[in-house]
Every structure is written in structure tokens, then in C-alpha cells.
C-alpha atoms as a PDB file:
ATOM      1  CA  MET A   1      97.524 -19.464-135.398  1.00  0.00           C
ATOM      2  CA  THR A   2      96.142 -16.612-137.465  1.00  0.00           C
ATOM      3  CA  GLN A   3      98.772 -14.160-138.661  1.00  0.00           C
ATOM      4  CA  PRO A   4      97.934 -10.454-138.325  1.00  0.00           C
ATOM      5  CA  ASN A   5      97.113  -8.636-141.513  1.00  0.00           C
ATOM      6  CA  SER A   6     100.432  -7.296-142.707  1.00  0.00           C
ATOM      7  CA  GLU A   7      99.056  -3.898-143.688  1.00  0.00           C
ATOM      8  CA  PHE A   8      97.341  -3.408-140.303  1.00  0.00           C
ATOM      9  CA  ALA A   9     100.478  -4.511-138.494  1.00  0.00           C
ATOM     10  CA  LYS A  10     102.578  -2.061-140.496  1.00  0.00           C
ATOM     11  CA  ASP A  11     100.155   0.795-139.717  1.00  0.00           C
ATOM     12  CA  ALA A  12     100.146  -0.130-136.038  1.00  0.00           C
ATOM     13  CA  ALA A  13     103.936  -0.075-135.928  1.00  0.00           C
ATOM     14  CA  GLN A  14     103.952   3.402-137.471  1.00  0.00           C
ATOM     15  CA  THR A  15     101.386   4.602-134.909  1.00  0.00           C
ATOM     16  CA  ALA A  16     103.445   3.227-132.027  1.00  0.00           C
ATOM     17  CA  LYS A  17     106.533   4.949-133.421  1.00  0.00           C
ATOM     18  CA  ALA A  18     104.656   8.254-133.670  1.00  0.00           C
ATOM     19  CA  GLU A  19     103.444   7.885-130.067  1.00  0.00           C
ATOM     20  CA  ARG A  20     107.012   7.326-128.868  1.00  0.00           C
ATOM     21  CA  GLU A  21     108.133  10.437-130.718  1.00  0.00           C
ATOM     22  CA  VAL A  22     105.460  12.518-128.971  1.00  0.00           C
ATOM     23  CA  GLN A  23     106.482  11.008-125.636  1.00  0.00           C
ATOM     24  CA  ALA A  24     110.179  11.706-126.252  1.00  0.00           C
ATOM     25  CA  GLU A  25     109.470  15.334-127.084  1.00  0.00           C
ATOM     26  CA  ILE A  26     107.478  15.869-123.855  1.00  0.00           C
ATOM     27  CA  ASP A  27     110.068  13.973-121.767  1.00  0.00           C
ATOM     28  CA  ALA A  28     112.824  16.230-123.078  1.00  0.00           C
ATOM     29  CA  LYS A  29     110.890  19.381-122.199  1.00  0.00           C
ATOM     30  CA  GLU A  30     110.024  18.113-118.732  1.00  0.00           C
ATOM     31  CA  GLN A  31     113.657  17.373-117.927  1.00  0.00           C
ATOM     32  CA  HIS A  32     114.494  21.025-118.493  1.00  0.00           C
ATOM     33  CA  SER A  33     111.480  22.954-117.226  1.00  0.00           C
ATOM     34  CA  PHE A  34     108.878  20.951-115.312  1.00  0.00           C
ATOM     35  CA  LYS A  35     108.868  20.897-111.514  1.00  0.00           C
ATOM     36  CA  SER A  36     106.712  18.014-110.415  1.00  0.00           C
ATOM     37  CA  ASP A  37     106.310  19.253-106.851  1.00  0.00           C
ATOM     38  CA  ASP A  38     105.093  22.693-107.990  1.00  0.00           C
ATOM     39  CA  GLU A  39     106.459  24.195-104.765  1.00  0.00           C
ATOM     40  CA  ASP A  40     107.778  27.400-106.268  1.00  0.00           C
ATOM     41  CA  ARG A  41     104.571  28.406-108.024  1.00  0.00           C
ATOM     42  CA  PRO A  42     103.024  31.489-106.368  1.00  0.00           C
ATOM     43  CA  ALA A  43      99.418  31.617-105.220  1.00  0.00           C
ATOM     44  CA  MET A  44      96.980  32.224-108.055  1.00  0.00           C
ATOM     45  CA  GLN A  45      95.727  35.791-108.372  1.00  0.00           C
ATOM     46  CA  ALA A  46      92.770  36.197-110.713  1.00  0.00           C
ATOM     47  CA  GLY A  47      90.679  38.851-108.979  1.00  0.00           C
ATOM     48  CA  ALA A  48      90.185  42.591-109.189  1.00  0.00           C
ATOM     49  CA  ARG A  49      92.801  43.006-106.478  1.00  0.00           C
ATOM     50  CA  GLU A  50      95.530  40.858-104.970  1.00  0.00           C
ATOM     51  CA  TYR A  51      94.656  38.528-102.106  1.00  0.00           C
ATOM     52  CA  PRO A  52      97.001  37.364 -99.328  1.00  0.00           C
ATOM     53  CA  ALA A  53      98.521  33.891 -99.312  1.00  0.00           C
ATOM     54  CA  PRO A  54     100.172  31.801 -96.592  1.00  0.00           C
ATOM     55  CA  PRO A  55     102.060  32.048 -94.354  1.00  0.00           C
ATOM     56  CA  PHE A  56      99.610  34.013 -92.228  1.00  0.00           C
ATOM     57  CA  PRO A  57     100.132  35.270 -88.663  1.00  0.00           C
ATOM     58  CA  LYS A  58     100.070  32.392 -86.189  1.00  0.00           C
ATOM     59  CA  GLN A  59      97.005  32.876 -84.040  1.00  0.00           C
ATOM     60  CA  HIS A  60      94.294  31.001 -82.176  1.00  0.00           C
ATOM     61  CA  LEU A  61      91.048  32.781 -81.270  1.00  0.00           C
ATOM     62  CA  ALA A  62      88.635  32.000 -78.461  1.00  0.00           C
ATOM     63  CA  LYS A  63      85.199  30.781 -79.560  1.00  0.00           C
ATOM     64  CA  PRO A  64      83.095  31.989 -81.265  1.00  0.00           C
ATOM     65  CA  GLY A  65      85.892  34.099 -82.789  1.00  0.00           C
ATOM     66  CA  LEU A  66      85.867  37.864 -83.256  1.00  0.00           C
ATOM     67  CA  GLU A  67      86.812  39.277 -86.634  1.00  0.00           C
ATOM     68  CA  ALA A  68      88.012  42.363 -84.766  1.00  0.00           C
ATOM     69  CA  ASP A  69      90.659  40.204 -83.062  1.00  0.00           C
ATOM     70  CA  LEU A  70      91.862  38.509 -86.247  1.00  0.00           C
ATOM     71  CA  ARG A  71      95.307  39.580 -87.342  1.00  0.00           C
ATOM     72  CA  LEU A  72      95.209  40.114 -91.093  1.00  0.00           C
ATOM     73  CA  ALA A  73      91.659  41.411 -91.459  1.00  0.00           C
ATOM     74  CA  PRO A  74      89.406  39.486 -93.871  1.00  0.00           C
ATOM     75  CA  MET A  75      88.641  41.329 -97.092  1.00  0.00           C
ATOM     76  CA  TYR A  76      84.881  41.700 -97.295  1.00  0.00           C
ATOM     77  CA  ASP A  77      84.004  45.094 -98.813  1.00  0.00           C
ATOM     78  CA  ALA A  78      84.624  44.225-102.518  1.00  0.00           C
ATOM     79  CA  PRO A  79      85.479  47.798-103.614  1.00  0.00           C
ATOM     80  CA  PHE A  80      85.438  46.900-107.308  1.00  0.00           C
ATOM     81  CA  TYR A  81      81.992  45.265-107.169  1.00  0.00           C
ATOM     82  CA  LYS A  82      79.337  47.586-108.587  1.00  0.00           C
ATOM     83  CA  GLY A  83      75.713  47.067-107.596  1.00  0.00           C
ATOM     84  CA  SER A  84      72.959  46.998-110.209  1.00  0.00           C
ATOM     85  CA  GLU A  85      69.745  46.683-108.162  1.00  0.00           C
ATOM     86  CA  LYS A  86      69.689  42.880-108.321  1.00  0.00           C
ATOM     87  CA  LEU A  87      67.988  42.859-104.895  1.00  0.00           C
ATOM     88  CA  LYS A  88      66.294  46.246-104.990  1.00  0.00           C
ATOM     89  CA  ASP A  89      63.964  46.845-102.022  1.00  0.00           C
ATOM     90  CA  LYS A  90      64.220  43.269-100.798  1.00  0.00           C
ATOM     91  CA  VAL A  91      64.761  42.151 -97.213  1.00  0.00           C
ATOM     92  CA  ALA A  92      67.249  39.467 -96.142  1.00  0.00           C
ATOM     93  CA  LEU A  93      67.817  37.728 -92.834  1.00  0.00           C
ATOM     94  CA  ILE A  94      71.403  36.443 -92.648  1.00  0.00           C
ATOM     95  CA  THR A  95      72.609  34.237 -89.796  1.00  0.00           C
ATOM     96  CA  GLY A  96      76.248  34.536 -88.781  1.00  0.00           C
ATOM     97  CA  ALA A  97      76.243  37.942 -90.462  1.00  0.00           C
ATOM     98  CA  ASP A  98      78.511  39.535 -87.881  1.00  0.00           C
ATOM     99  CA  SER A  99      81.714  38.409 -89.627  1.00  0.00           C
ATOM    100  CA  GLY A 100      83.296  36.359 -92.380  1.00  0.00           C
ATOM    101  CA  ILE A 101      81.155  35.224 -95.292  1.00  0.00           C
ATOM    102  CA  GLY A 102      77.992  36.497 -93.598  1.00  0.00           C
ATOM    103  CA  ARG A 103      79.350  40.038 -93.356  1.00  0.00           C
ATOM    104  CA  ALA A 104      80.516  40.048 -96.965  1.00  0.00           C
ATOM    105  CA  VAL A 105      77.116  38.784 -98.117  1.00  0.00           C
ATOM    106  CA  ALA A 106      75.356  41.473 -96.070  1.00  0.00           C
ATOM    107  CA  VAL A 107      77.478  44.202 -97.668  1.00  0.00           C
ATOM    108  CA  LEU A 108      76.911  43.030-101.245  1.00  0.00           C
ATOM    109  CA  PHE A 109      73.202  42.442-100.654  1.00  0.00           C
ATOM    110  CA  ALA A 110      72.978  46.016 -99.372  1.00  0.00           C
ATOM    111  CA  ARG A 111      74.895  47.272-102.390  1.00  0.00           C
ATOM    112  CA  GLU A 112      72.269  45.553-104.517  1.00  0.00           C
ATOM    113  CA  GLY A 113      69.477  47.405-102.697  1.00  0.00           C
ATOM    114  CA  CYS A 114      68.579  45.023 -99.846  1.00  0.00           C
ATOM    115  CA  ASP A 115      67.827  45.749 -96.182  1.00  0.00           C
ATOM    116  CA  ILE A 116      69.484  43.333 -93.749  1.00  0.00           C
ATOM    117  CA  ALA A 117      68.543  41.592 -90.510  1.00  0.00           C
ATOM    118  CA  ILE A 118      71.868  40.602 -88.939  1.00  0.00           C
ATOM    119  CA  ALA A 119      71.501  37.426 -86.861  1.00  0.00           C
ATOM    120  CA  TYR A 120      74.500  36.449 -84.734  1.00  0.00           C
ATOM    121  CA  LEU A 121      75.441  34.769 -81.450  1.00  0.00           C
ATOM    122  CA  ASP A 122      77.092  37.336 -79.154  1.00  0.00           C
ATOM    123  CA  GLU A 123      79.881  38.961 -81.189  1.00  0.00           C
ATOM    124  CA  HIS A 124      78.419  42.433 -80.645  1.00  0.00           C
ATOM    125  CA  GLN A 125      81.481  44.394 -81.775  1.00  0.00           C
ATOM    126  CA  ASP A 126      81.629  42.535 -85.075  1.00  0.00           C
ATOM    127  CA  ALA A 127      77.866  42.826 -85.579  1.00  0.00           C
ATOM    128  CA  GLU A 128      77.995  46.577 -85.090  1.00  0.00           C
ATOM    129  CA  ALA A 129      80.728  46.766 -87.743  1.00  0.00           C
ATOM    130  CA  THR A 130      78.523  44.825 -90.175  1.00  0.00           C
ATOM    131  CA  LYS A 131      75.576  47.109 -89.418  1.00  0.00           C
ATOM    132  CA  ALA A 132      77.727  50.165 -90.098  1.00  0.00           C
ATOM    133  CA  ALA A 133      78.942  48.640 -93.374  1.00  0.00           C
ATOM    134  CA  VAL A 134      75.355  47.970 -94.513  1.00  0.00           C
ATOM    135  CA  GLU A 135      74.293  51.503 -93.606  1.00  0.00           C
ATOM    136  CA  LYS A 136      77.276  52.874 -95.508  1.00  0.00           C
ATOM    137  CA  GLU A 137      75.706  51.279 -98.598  1.00  0.00           C
ATOM    138  CA  GLY A 138      72.555  53.315 -97.944  1.00  0.00           C
ATOM    139  CA  ARG A 139      70.398  50.460 -96.599  1.00  0.00           C
ATOM    140  CA  ARG A 140      68.865  49.694 -93.208  1.00  0.00           C
ATOM    141  CA  ALA A 141      70.086  47.026 -90.805  1.00  0.00           C
ATOM    142  CA  ILE A 142      68.959  45.588 -87.475  1.00  0.00           C
ATOM    143  CA  LEU A 143      70.833  43.404 -84.997  1.00  0.00           C
ATOM    144  CA  LEU A 144      69.371  40.089 -83.782  1.00  0.00           C
ATOM    145  CA  PRO A 145      71.631  38.417 -81.194  1.00  0.00           C
ATOM    146  CA  GLY A 146      70.696  34.873 -80.206  1.00  0.00           C
ATOM    147  CA  ASP A 147      71.275  31.160 -80.645  1.00  0.00           C
ATOM    148  CA  VAL A 148      69.976  29.725 -83.939  1.00  0.00           C
ATOM    149  CA  ALA A 149      69.703  26.306 -82.274  1.00  0.00           C
ATOM    150  CA  ASP A 150      66.767  27.656 -80.245  1.00  0.00           C
ATOM    151  CA  PRO A 151      63.500  27.403 -82.209  1.00  0.00           C
ATOM    152  CA  ALA A 152      62.024  30.245 -80.156  1.00  0.00           C
ATOM    153  CA  TYR A 153      64.877  32.501 -81.288  1.00  0.00           C
ATOM    154  CA  ALA A 154      64.280  31.526 -84.925  1.00  0.00           C
ATOM    155  CA  GLU A 155      60.625  32.544 -84.654  1.00  0.00           C
ATOM    156  CA  ALA A 156      61.522  35.762 -82.860  1.00  0.00           C
ATOM    157  CA  ALA A 157      64.228  36.708 -85.391  1.00  0.00           C
ATOM    158  CA  VAL A 158      61.877  36.236 -88.338  1.00  0.00           C
ATOM    159  CA  ASP A 159      59.083  38.138 -86.573  1.00  0.00           C
ATOM    160  CA  ARG A 160      61.434  40.998 -85.704  1.00  0.00           C
ATOM    161  CA  ALA A 161      62.727  41.249 -89.283  1.00  0.00           C
ATOM    162  CA  ILE A 162      59.194  41.350 -90.674  1.00  0.00           C
ATOM    163  CA  GLY A 163      58.070  43.780 -87.986  1.00  0.00           C
ATOM    164  CA  GLU A 164      60.943  46.127 -88.865  1.00  0.00           C
ATOM    165  CA  PHE A 165      60.975  45.822 -92.649  1.00  0.00           C
ATOM    166  CA  GLY A 166      57.469  44.582 -93.476  1.00  0.00           C
ATOM    167  CA  LYS A 167      58.476  41.395 -95.293  1.00  0.00           C
ATOM    168  CA  LEU A 168      61.147  38.735 -95.802  1.00  0.00           C
ATOM    169  CA  ASP A 169      62.465  37.858 -99.267  1.00  0.00           C
ATOM    170  CA  VAL A 170      65.759  36.068 -98.631  1.00  0.00           C
ATOM    171  CA  LEU A 171      66.954  33.797 -95.838  1.00  0.00           C
ATOM    172  CA  VAL A 172      70.673  33.024 -95.675  1.00  0.00           C
ATOM    173  CA  ASN A 173      71.413  30.149 -93.292  1.00  0.00           C
ATOM    174  CA  ASN A 174      75.112  30.664 -92.625  1.00  0.00           C
ATOM    175  CA  ALA A 175      75.893  30.439 -88.883  1.00  0.00           C
ATOM    176  CA  ALA A 176      78.134  27.493 -87.952  1.00  0.00           C
ATOM    177  CA  PHE A 177      80.026  25.842 -85.136  1.00  0.00           C
ATOM    178  CA  GLN A 178      83.306  24.044 -85.945  1.00  0.00           C
ATOM    179  CA  GLU A 179      85.848  22.415 -83.636  1.00  0.00           C
ATOM    180  CA  HIS A 180      88.305  19.739 -84.729  1.00  0.00           C
ATOM    181  CA  VAL A 181      89.231  16.511 -82.947  1.00  0.00           C
ATOM    182  CA  THR A 182      92.269  14.361 -83.672  1.00  0.00           C
ATOM    183  CA  ASP A 183      90.743  11.144 -82.257  1.00  0.00           C
ATOM    184  CA  LEU A 184      87.193   9.883 -82.505  1.00  0.00           C
ATOM    185  CA  GLU A 185      87.069   9.184 -78.778  1.00  0.00           C
ATOM    186  CA  ASP A 186      87.719  12.898 -78.138  1.00  0.00           C
ATOM    187  CA  LEU A 187      84.450  13.843 -79.837  1.00  0.00           C
ATOM    188  CA  THR A 188      82.177  14.116 -76.811  1.00  0.00           C
ATOM    189  CA  ALA A 189      78.403  13.931 -76.903  1.00  0.00           C
ATOM    190  CA  GLU A 190      78.245  17.588 -75.834  1.00  0.00           C
ATOM    191  CA  HIS A 191      80.587  18.663 -78.635  1.00  0.00           C
ATOM    192  CA  PHE A 192      78.700  16.565 -81.201  1.00  0.00           C
ATOM    193  CA  ASP A 193      75.374  17.926 -79.979  1.00  0.00           C
ATOM    194  CA  ARG A 194      76.540  21.557 -80.229  1.00  0.00           C
ATOM    195  CA  THR A 195      77.681  21.084 -83.830  1.00  0.00           C
ATOM    196  CA  LEU A 196      74.443  19.443 -84.936  1.00  0.00           C
ATOM    197  CA  LYS A 197      72.239  21.865 -83.032  1.00  0.00           C
ATOM    198  CA  THR A 198      73.907  24.901 -84.625  1.00  0.00           C
ATOM    199  CA  ASN A 199      74.589  23.626 -88.122  1.00  0.00           C
ATOM    200  CA  LEU A 200      71.512  21.463 -88.776  1.00  0.00           C
ATOM    201  CA  TYR A 201      68.819  22.330 -86.241  1.00  0.00           C
ATOM    202  CA  GLY A 202      69.573  26.029 -86.736  1.00  0.00           C
ATOM    203  CA  TYR A 203      69.101  25.804 -90.493  1.00  0.00           C
ATOM    204  CA  PHE A 204      65.873  23.855 -90.040  1.00  0.00           C
ATOM    205  CA  HIS A 205      64.416  26.185 -87.410  1.00  0.00           C
ATOM    206  CA  LEU A 206      65.092  29.332 -89.451  1.00  0.00           C
ATOM    207  CA  ALA A 207      63.703  27.829 -92.658  1.00  0.00           C
ATOM    208  CA  LYS A 208      60.580  26.610 -90.860  1.00  0.00           C
ATOM    209  CA  ALA A 209      60.033  30.029 -89.301  1.00  0.00           C
ATOM    210  CA  ALA A 210      60.689  31.948 -92.530  1.00  0.00           C
ATOM    211  CA  VAL A 211      58.827  29.953 -95.194  1.00  0.00           C
ATOM    212  CA  PRO A 212      55.271  30.892 -94.144  1.00  0.00           C
ATOM    213  CA  HIS A 213      56.147  34.555 -94.677  1.00  0.00           C
ATOM    214  CA  MET A 214      57.952  34.186 -98.023  1.00  0.00           C
ATOM    215  CA  LYS A 215      56.231  34.858-101.334  1.00  0.00           C
ATOM    216  CA  PRO A 216      56.895  33.391-104.804  1.00  0.00           C
ATOM    217  CA  GLY A 217      60.254  34.664-106.033  1.00  0.00           C
ATOM    218  CA  SER A 218      61.821  34.438-102.576  1.00  0.00           C
ATOM    219  CA  ALA A 219      65.020  32.479-101.963  1.00  0.00           C
ATOM    220  CA  ILE A 220      66.694  30.462 -99.230  1.00  0.00           C
ATOM    221  CA  LEU A 221      70.473  30.076 -99.350  1.00  0.00           C
ATOM    222  CA  MET A 222      72.502  27.623 -97.275  1.00  0.00           C
ATOM    223  CA  THR A 223      76.220  27.735 -96.536  1.00  0.00           C
ATOM    224  CA  GLY A 224      77.496  24.204 -97.030  1.00  0.00           C
ATOM    225  CA  SER A 225      81.161  23.260 -97.333  1.00  0.00           C
ATOM    226  CA  VAL A 226      83.686  21.277 -99.308  1.00  0.00           C
ATOM    227  CA  THR A 227      83.852  19.113 -96.169  1.00  0.00           C
ATOM    228  CA  GLY A 228      80.286  18.060 -96.907  1.00  0.00           C
ATOM    229  CA  ILE A 229      81.502  16.762-100.276  1.00  0.00           C
ATOM    230  CA  ASP A 230      84.951  15.358 -99.504  1.00  0.00           C
ATOM    231  CA  GLY A 231      84.795  14.936 -95.722  1.00  0.00           C
ATOM    232  CA  SER A 232      87.517  16.004 -93.318  1.00  0.00           C
ATOM    233  CA  ARG A 233      89.218  13.507 -91.027  1.00  0.00           C
ATOM    234  CA  GLN A 234      89.490  15.989 -88.140  1.00  0.00           C
ATOM    235  CA  LEU A 235      86.030  17.506 -88.656  1.00  0.00           C
ATOM    236  CA  LEU A 236      83.848  14.426 -88.360  1.00  0.00           C
ATOM    237  CA  ASP A 237      80.758  16.096 -86.939  1.00  0.00           C
ATOM    238  CA  TYR A 238      81.161  19.286 -88.976  1.00  0.00           C
ATOM    239  CA  SER A 239      81.519  17.304 -92.223  1.00  0.00           C
ATOM    240  CA  MET A 240      78.409  15.337 -91.306  1.00  0.00           C
ATOM    241  CA  THR A 241      76.390  18.503 -90.812  1.00  0.00           C
ATOM    242  CA  LYS A 242      77.594  20.083 -94.027  1.00  0.00           C
ATOM    243  CA  GLY A 243      76.670  16.979 -95.997  1.00  0.00           C
ATOM    244  CA  GLY A 244      73.314  17.156 -94.257  1.00  0.00           C
ATOM    245  CA  ILE A 245      72.924  20.785 -95.304  1.00  0.00           C
ATOM    246  CA  HIS A 246      73.514  19.793 -98.917  1.00  0.00           C
ATOM    247  CA  ALA A 247      70.865  17.065 -98.656  1.00  0.00           C
ATOM    248  CA  PHE A 248      68.473  19.443 -96.878  1.00  0.00           C
ATOM    249  CA  THR A 249      68.978  21.948 -99.702  1.00  0.00           C
ATOM    250  CA  ARG A 250      68.058  19.368-102.329  1.00  0.00           C
ATOM    251  CA  ALA A 251      65.045  18.089-100.392  1.00  0.00           C
ATOM    252  CA  LEU A 252      63.714  21.497 -99.382  1.00  0.00           C
ATOM    253  CA  SER A 253      64.105  22.854-102.906  1.00  0.00           C
ATOM    254  CA  GLY A 254      61.707  20.243-104.245  1.00  0.00           C
ATOM    255  CA  HIS A 255      59.355  20.730-101.306  1.00  0.00           C
ATOM    256  CA  LEU A 256      59.094  24.481-101.939  1.00  0.00           C
ATOM    257  CA  ILE A 257      58.706  24.509-105.714  1.00  0.00           C
ATOM    258  CA  PRO A 258      54.895  24.718-105.376  1.00  0.00           C
ATOM    259  CA  LYS A 259      55.378  27.856-103.246  1.00  0.00           C
ATOM    260  CA  GLY A 260      57.730  29.479-105.783  1.00  0.00           C
ATOM    261  CA  ILE A 261      60.633  29.621-103.312  1.00  0.00           C
ATOM    262  CA  ARG A 262      64.069  28.639-104.592  1.00  0.00           C
ATOM    263  CA  VAL A 263      66.619  26.899-102.330  1.00  0.00           C
ATOM    264  CA  ASN A 264      70.335  26.621-103.133  1.00  0.00           C
ATOM    265  CA  ALA A 265      73.614  26.058-101.300  1.00  0.00           C
ATOM    266  CA  ILE A 266      77.134  27.404-101.640  1.00  0.00           C
ATOM    267  CA  ALA A 267      79.894  24.972-100.628  1.00  0.00           C
ATOM    268  CA  PRO A 268      83.094  26.949 -99.981  1.00  0.00           C
ATOM    269  CA  GLY A 269      86.557  25.559 -99.525  1.00  0.00           C
ATOM    270  CA  PRO A 270      88.910  27.391 -97.123  1.00  0.00           C
ATOM    271  CA  VAL A 271      87.890  31.007 -96.511  1.00  0.00           C
ATOM    272  CA  TRP A 272      89.799  33.508 -94.344  1.00  0.00           C
ATOM    273  CA  THR A 273      87.276  34.163 -91.548  1.00  0.00           C
ATOM    274  CA  PRO A 274      87.341  33.870 -87.722  1.00  0.00           C
ATOM    275  CA  LEU A 275      85.866  30.334 -87.949  1.00  0.00           C
ATOM    276  CA  ASN A 276      89.126  28.501 -88.589  1.00  0.00           C
ATOM    277  CA  PRO A 277      91.480  30.537 -86.353  1.00  0.00           C
ATOM    278  CA  ALA A 278      88.929  29.789 -83.607  1.00  0.00           C
ATOM    279  CA  ASP A 279      89.338  26.069 -84.377  1.00  0.00           C
ATOM    280  CA  LYS A 280      92.785  25.234 -85.682  1.00  0.00           C
ATOM    281  CA  PRO A 281      96.104  25.412 -83.790  1.00  0.00           C
ATOM    282  CA  ALA A 282      98.112  28.549 -84.519  1.00  0.00           C
ATOM    283  CA  GLU A 283     100.655  26.617 -86.641  1.00  0.00           C
ATOM    284  CA  ASP A 284      97.897  25.273 -88.892  1.00  0.00           C
ATOM    285  CA  VAL A 285      96.282  28.690 -89.198  1.00  0.00           C
ATOM    286  CA  SER A 286      99.556  30.004 -90.585  1.00  0.00           C
ATOM    287  CA  GLU A 287      99.290  27.619 -93.555  1.00  0.00           C
ATOM    288  CA  PHE A 288      95.507  27.778 -93.947  1.00  0.00           C
ATOM    289  CA  GLY A 289      94.459  27.243 -97.563  1.00  0.00           C
ATOM    290  CA  ALA A 290      97.987  26.531 -98.794  1.00  0.00           C
ATOM    291  CA  LYS A 291      97.034  23.069-100.077  1.00  0.00           C
ATOM    292  CA  THR A 292      94.378  24.262-102.506  1.00  0.00           C
ATOM    293  CA  PRO A 293      95.373  24.402-106.183  1.00  0.00           C
ATOM    294  CA  MET A 294      95.298  28.197-105.911  1.00  0.00           C
ATOM    295  CA  LYS A 295      97.615  27.888-102.882  1.00  0.00           C
ATOM    296  CA  ARG A 296      95.607  30.308-100.730  1.00  0.00           C
ATOM    297  CA  PRO A 297      92.230  30.570 -99.028  1.00  0.00           C
ATOM    298  CA  ALA A 298      89.435  32.672-100.466  1.00  0.00           C
ATOM    299  CA  GLN A 299      88.635  36.032 -98.988  1.00  0.00           C
ATOM    300  CA  PRO A 300      84.958  36.539 -98.043  1.00  0.00           C
ATOM    301  CA  GLU A 301      84.415  39.043-100.851  1.00  0.00           C
ATOM    302  CA  GLU A 302      85.349  36.334-103.367  1.00  0.00           C
ATOM    303  CA  ILE A 303      82.510  34.117-102.108  1.00  0.00           C
ATOM    304  CA  ALA A 304      79.754  36.680-101.575  1.00  0.00           C
ATOM    305  CA  PRO A 305      78.887  37.339-105.255  1.00  0.00           C
ATOM    306  CA  ALA A 306      77.687  33.735-105.549  1.00  0.00           C
ATOM    307  CA  TYR A 307      75.105  34.485-102.858  1.00  0.00           C
ATOM    308  CA  VAL A 308      73.951  37.561-104.782  1.00  0.00           C
ATOM    309  CA  PHE A 309      73.614  35.468-107.929  1.00  0.00           C
ATOM    310  CA  LEU A 310      71.579  32.745-106.225  1.00  0.00           C
ATOM    311  CA  ALA A 311      69.422  35.198-104.250  1.00  0.00           C
ATOM    312  CA  SER A 312      68.459  37.402-107.175  1.00  0.00           C
ATOM    313  CA  PRO A 313      65.431  36.453-109.285  1.00  0.00           C
ATOM    314  CA  HIS A 314      67.024  38.424-112.112  1.00  0.00           C
ATOM    315  CA  CYS A 315      70.005  36.052-112.199  1.00  0.00           C
ATOM    316  CA  SER A 316      68.901  32.588-111.118  1.00  0.00           C
ATOM    317  CA  SER A 317      65.144  32.192-111.476  1.00  0.00           C
ATOM    318  CA  TYR A 318      65.589  28.718-113.056  1.00  0.00           C
ATOM    319  CA  ILE A 319      68.085  27.453-110.471  1.00  0.00           C
ATOM    320  CA  THR A 320      66.989  25.547-107.385  1.00  0.00           C
ATOM    321  CA  GLY A 321      68.389  22.610-105.435  1.00  0.00           C
ATOM    322  CA  GLU A 322      71.966  23.235-106.575  1.00  0.00           C
ATOM    323  CA  ILE A 323      75.149  22.913-104.531  1.00  0.00           C
ATOM    324  CA  LEU A 324      77.777  25.354-105.810  1.00  0.00           C
ATOM    325  CA  PRO A 325      81.335  24.464-104.745  1.00  0.00           C
ATOM    326  CA  ILE A 326      83.784  27.391-104.560  1.00  0.00           C
ATOM    327  CA  VAL A 327      86.959  25.587-103.585  1.00  0.00           C
ATOM    328  CA  GLY A 328      89.941  27.224-105.279  1.00  0.00           C
ATOM    329  CA  GLY A 329      90.356  24.656-108.046  1.00  0.00           C
ATOM    330  CA  TYR A 330      90.560  20.895-108.417  1.00  0.00           C
END
């Protein structure tokens, strides 16, 4: 049997001793100060203003969910965000723009100089509030109620936007349907069909209707989700559609390069909007977002600047086909 080189063995022993000394030092510190469960750490605050953290009011909204009915109003107006003409004189059609992320995106787009076509289902009170917020920024807005799953509505919405504003530069596919199930057998064909029709067919129909009218430098943005990356055991159909949106983004981006149209997706984690209180039980809503590393959900105004960045040719002209997760840490 070959004996180890004595010098190497001696060096190795010294290295092992040094490693144990490092370990002992860390162990001693952890015994006094480290809390492995991290339960007492407050929610992370790294923004221009403080954002609320769980527990939230226990509430359950009727579909599709009105922001006006949501206790603890979502923060969408981003008062510290200053526009700089990143979307000057452009026109955007935003689906699901009545509330939540869509409303926040509409407000920041307007602050950057963009006119807005507000597409939504039937939440008229919320849509009027978004319209007023856009007009407060000094831009024009129109309301387009209808079902994105209907290809005839998609054509009509695009035609109306172009008829009103003369062009279409940005499409934001954002409208979504989400409803959890605890058992696979509870996911009915009707439920499954509604999710796919809204979240996938809707995105396809709007893109198909919009592309012929979009010029080089235009952009299409898709709202994906962390569920499309990680999955969610109670959102089987929703996770499927969000993964599909990510794949559609990648495929469509390559397809539209010859036309000079960029396509990107934003994949948020939990965001405080009517979508989840209109899905989850009231008890779960109270703790919404608490399990993220930041220990809170995002507010819509924390997500919207990413849409500005990816819509603006001044900021992201060399970016297409990307999926941008905004999930509150890893």
C-alpha cells in the first residue's frame, strides 16, 4: 500500500484544522444571534415608500373582482415615479387595464406620454377610475368592454383603438382568469375551458389582430406568472396557461423579428390586486405573499415600471423573447 506523501499529509491536516476553526467561529455566532426560522424578520422595504405586509383584511370577492370593493386599496399611482417621455405620443392597448397591474401600467404609460385603450370585461366602475387616472396624467383614454376570448372582440378593440388614436404601438396582453381547485377531479371542463380561453386564446386573438397594424419599433408585452415557472398545485390550469404564455412569448418574438416588433413577458409573483381575493378563501387572502423572501406581495406600482422598460424603444431595443420574473426574491 502506497503511503501518502508526508508533506502533503501534513498540509492537508493543517487545512482541515483551519476549516474546523472557521466552522467553530460561525457555530458560536449562530448560537447567540441566528434564528433559523426567520419568523421575526419584518417584510423587506426597499422602495420609495413603504408597502403593506400581511396580515391583510380577510376578504373574498365575487368574480371578476372589483378593485373598488377591495379593502386595502392597491397602490398603483407611483407618486415618486417621474416620467421622461419614454413613450411619447405612442398608443397602447392594455387588456385587464381596469384594475391591478393593468391599471398601474396604464398610469405609468400615460405618464411617459402614451394614450391608452383600456380593454376590460365588465368592471365599469374600475375602468372609469383607470380612465380618470390616465386623463389626470394629461393623456387620452377610451374604454373597450368585452371578452378577450372572443376573436371578434379582439378585432373590434384593435380597430376602435386605431380609429380613435390613429395607430397602435404597444399591445399589453394582461387580462386573466384564475380560480383554484383543491382536487383534480374538481377542475371541470367548463372551468378549464374558461381559463384557457381567457389566458391563452385571448392573448393569441389580440396579438393576431394587432400585429398587422404595428410598425417596426412596436412592442407586445405579455403578463406571465411565477406559476408558469414553478407551477402551483392548486392552480393547475392557470399554471398551464402561464407557462404557455411564456412559450408563446418566445415563439412570437422570433416570428416577429423580421417585422421589427419586440415581444417580451413579465412573470410576477404575488401582487396585491383583485385577482387573488376573487380566488382565494378569505383566510388565505389575509396571508397573501407572506411566504416570499420579502414576506409581502408586490403592489402594482412596483411591477409597472418593468412594462415601461420593455415597451420603450429607448430602453429595450435589443431585448426580445425574454421572460422577466419579478417575484420578491429567491
